[in-house]
Amino acid sequence: MKVKFISSILLIAAFFACEKKDTVYTKNIHNKSAKTIHFYLYGNFNPQTYGDTITVNAGELKEIHSYTEENSAVGVQQPCRIYDDSIRVVVDGGGTLQKKLTHDNDWIFSSNNSTVQTCTFEITDADIL
């Protein structure tokens, strides 16, 4: 009897544990322009040197960040913007990118359900002056 009771409790606990879902957060840069773009990111602890460099070729969709938060399917939208102190942008062939990785309004947020959230920074030729 005691074994049945413990087995039942374990089965119920396993059921509830399986109900919790993880959320996958992904950030992409989709370069729909005809130019290659380089992003040089400066962080808190290395203001004089580049902390990271992201190069996105013309026509390329590049994932730049992805993480999974366990047991987090609560429908909370994470901000899309990048939090580095400063970002230097170089457009091959010249020009200035008008959008900023640090502005949430320049990102496209999409979510097909509460467990997948995607932020895409989309660049077109019209965004480069």
Protein backbone atom coordinates (compact mmCIF):
# COMPACT_ATOMS: atom_id res chain seq x y z
CA MET A 1 0.00 0.00 0.00
CA LYS A 2 2.77 2.40 0.94
CA VAL A 3 4.63 1.64 -2.32
CA LYS A 4 1.46 2.37 -4.34
CA PHE A 5 1.00 5.68 -2.56
CA ILE A 6 4.61 6.76 -3.14
CA SER A 7 4.41 5.64 -6.78
CA SER A 8 1.23 7.67 -7.26
CA ILE A 9 2.82 10.77 -5.74
CA LEU A 10 5.90 10.39 -7.95
CA LEU A 11 3.72 9.95 -11.03
CA ILE A 12 1.73 13.10 -10.24
CA ALA A 13 4.94 15.06 -9.55
CA ALA A 14 6.40 13.90 -12.88
CA PHE A 15 3.23 15.01 -14.67
CA PHE A 16 3.43 18.51 -13.21
CA ALA A 17 7.15 18.73 -13.94
CA CYS A 18 6.48 17.90 -17.59
CA GLU A 19 3.84 20.61 -17.81
CA LYS A 20 6.41 23.36 -17.25
CA LYS A 21 7.94 24.48 -20.52
CA ASP A 22 11.09 26.30 -21.44
CA THR A 23 11.15 29.49 -23.49
CA VAL A 24 13.67 29.91 -26.31
CA TYR A 25 14.70 33.51 -27.00
CA THR A 26 16.51 34.21 -30.27
CA LYS A 27 17.92 37.40 -31.81
CA ASN A 28 18.69 37.58 -35.54
CA ILE A 29 19.99 40.15 -37.98
CA HIS A 30 18.41 39.86 -41.44
CA ASN A 31 20.42 41.88 -43.93
CA LYS A 32 18.15 42.30 -46.94
CA SER A 33 20.37 45.07 -48.31
CA ALA A 34 22.95 44.75 -51.07
CA LYS A 35 25.85 45.61 -48.72
CA THR A 36 27.85 43.71 -46.11
CA ILE A 37 27.59 45.27 -42.65
CA HIS A 38 29.96 44.92 -39.69
CA PHE A 39 28.85 45.54 -36.09
CA TYR A 40 31.62 46.17 -33.53
CA LEU A 41 30.22 45.84 -30.01
CA TYR A 42 31.92 47.44 -27.01
CA GLY A 43 31.13 46.07 -23.56
CA ASN A 44 31.44 47.38 -20.00
CA PHE A 45 34.86 45.91 -19.33
CA ASN A 46 36.65 46.61 -22.62
CA PRO A 47 35.77 50.15 -23.76
CA GLN A 48 38.96 50.53 -25.84
CA THR A 49 38.74 47.28 -27.80
CA TYR A 50 35.97 45.44 -29.57
CA GLY A 51 34.14 42.99 -27.35
CA ASP A 52 32.58 41.21 -30.28
CA THR A 53 32.33 41.60 -34.03
CA ILE A 54 29.32 40.54 -36.07
CA THR A 55 29.54 40.55 -39.86
CA VAL A 56 26.33 40.09 -41.81
CA ASN A 57 26.71 39.64 -45.55
CA ALA A 58 24.24 41.00 -48.09
CA GLY A 59 21.11 38.83 -48.13
CA GLU A 60 22.13 36.89 -45.00
CA LEU A 61 19.99 35.99 -41.99
CA LYS A 62 22.34 35.52 -39.02
CA GLU A 63 21.48 34.36 -35.52
CA ILE A 64 23.45 36.51 -33.10
CA HIS A 65 22.09 35.36 -29.75
CA SER A 66 19.99 32.52 -28.41
CA TYR A 67 19.25 31.21 -24.97
CA THR A 68 16.72 29.01 -23.24
CA GLU A 69 15.04 29.94 -20.00
CA GLU A 70 13.84 26.89 -18.10
CA ASN A 71 10.28 26.64 -16.78
CA SER A 72 9.46 30.08 -18.12
CA ALA A 73 6.43 29.68 -20.36
CA VAL A 74 4.63 32.61 -18.78
CA GLY A 75 4.12 34.75 -21.87
CA VAL A 76 6.50 37.54 -20.83
CA GLN A 77 8.10 39.31 -23.79
CA GLN A 78 11.83 39.95 -23.41
CA PRO A 79 13.22 43.22 -24.83
CA CYS A 80 14.84 42.89 -28.24
CA ARG A 81 17.47 45.61 -28.02
CA ILE A 82 21.19 44.93 -27.53
CA TYR A 83 22.60 46.22 -24.24
CA ASP A 84 26.25 46.86 -25.13
CA ASP A 85 27.63 50.27 -24.14
CA SER A 86 28.24 51.26 -27.72
CA ILE A 87 28.11 49.74 -31.15
CA ARG A 88 30.13 50.91 -34.13
CA VAL A 89 28.64 50.05 -37.52
CA VAL A 90 30.64 49.89 -40.75
CA VAL A 91 28.86 49.46 -44.08
CA ASP A 92 31.07 48.04 -46.85
CA GLY A 93 31.05 50.43 -49.80
CA GLY A 94 30.03 53.36 -47.59
CA GLY A 95 26.84 54.61 -46.07
CA THR A 96 25.32 54.99 -42.62
CA LEU A 97 22.85 52.55 -41.12
CA GLN A 98 19.88 54.53 -39.82
CA LYS A 99 18.54 51.82 -37.48
CA LYS A 100 20.13 51.01 -34.13
CA LEU A 101 20.54 47.64 -32.40
CA THR A 102 20.00 49.46 -29.09
CA HIS A 103 16.45 50.63 -29.95
CA ASP A 104 13.56 48.22 -29.37
CA ASN A 105 11.47 49.98 -32.04
CA ASP A 106 13.99 48.99 -34.73
CA TRP A 107 13.43 45.27 -34.06
CA ILE A 108 10.62 42.98 -35.24
CA PHE A 109 9.23 40.77 -32.48
CA SER A 110 7.46 37.51 -33.27
CA SER A 111 6.20 34.62 -31.20
CA ASN A 112 4.29 31.62 -32.48
CA ASN A 113 3.49 30.54 -28.92
CA SER A 114 4.63 31.28 -25.39
CA THR A 115 7.73 29.08 -25.69
CA VAL A 116 9.45 30.63 -28.73
CA GLN A 117 10.25 34.34 -28.97
CA THR A 118 12.23 35.77 -31.87
CA CYS A 119 13.60 39.27 -32.36
CA THR A 120 14.80 40.18 -35.85
CA PHE A 121 16.76 43.30 -36.78
CA GLU A 122 15.89 43.72 -40.46
CA ILE A 123 18.04 45.88 -42.73
CA THR A 124 17.00 46.98 -46.22
CA ASP A 125 18.73 49.25 -48.75
CA ALA A 126 16.39 52.06 -47.63
CA ASP A 127 17.88 51.85 -44.10
CA ILE A 128 21.35 52.78 -45.41
CA LEU A 129 21.98 56.40 -46.38
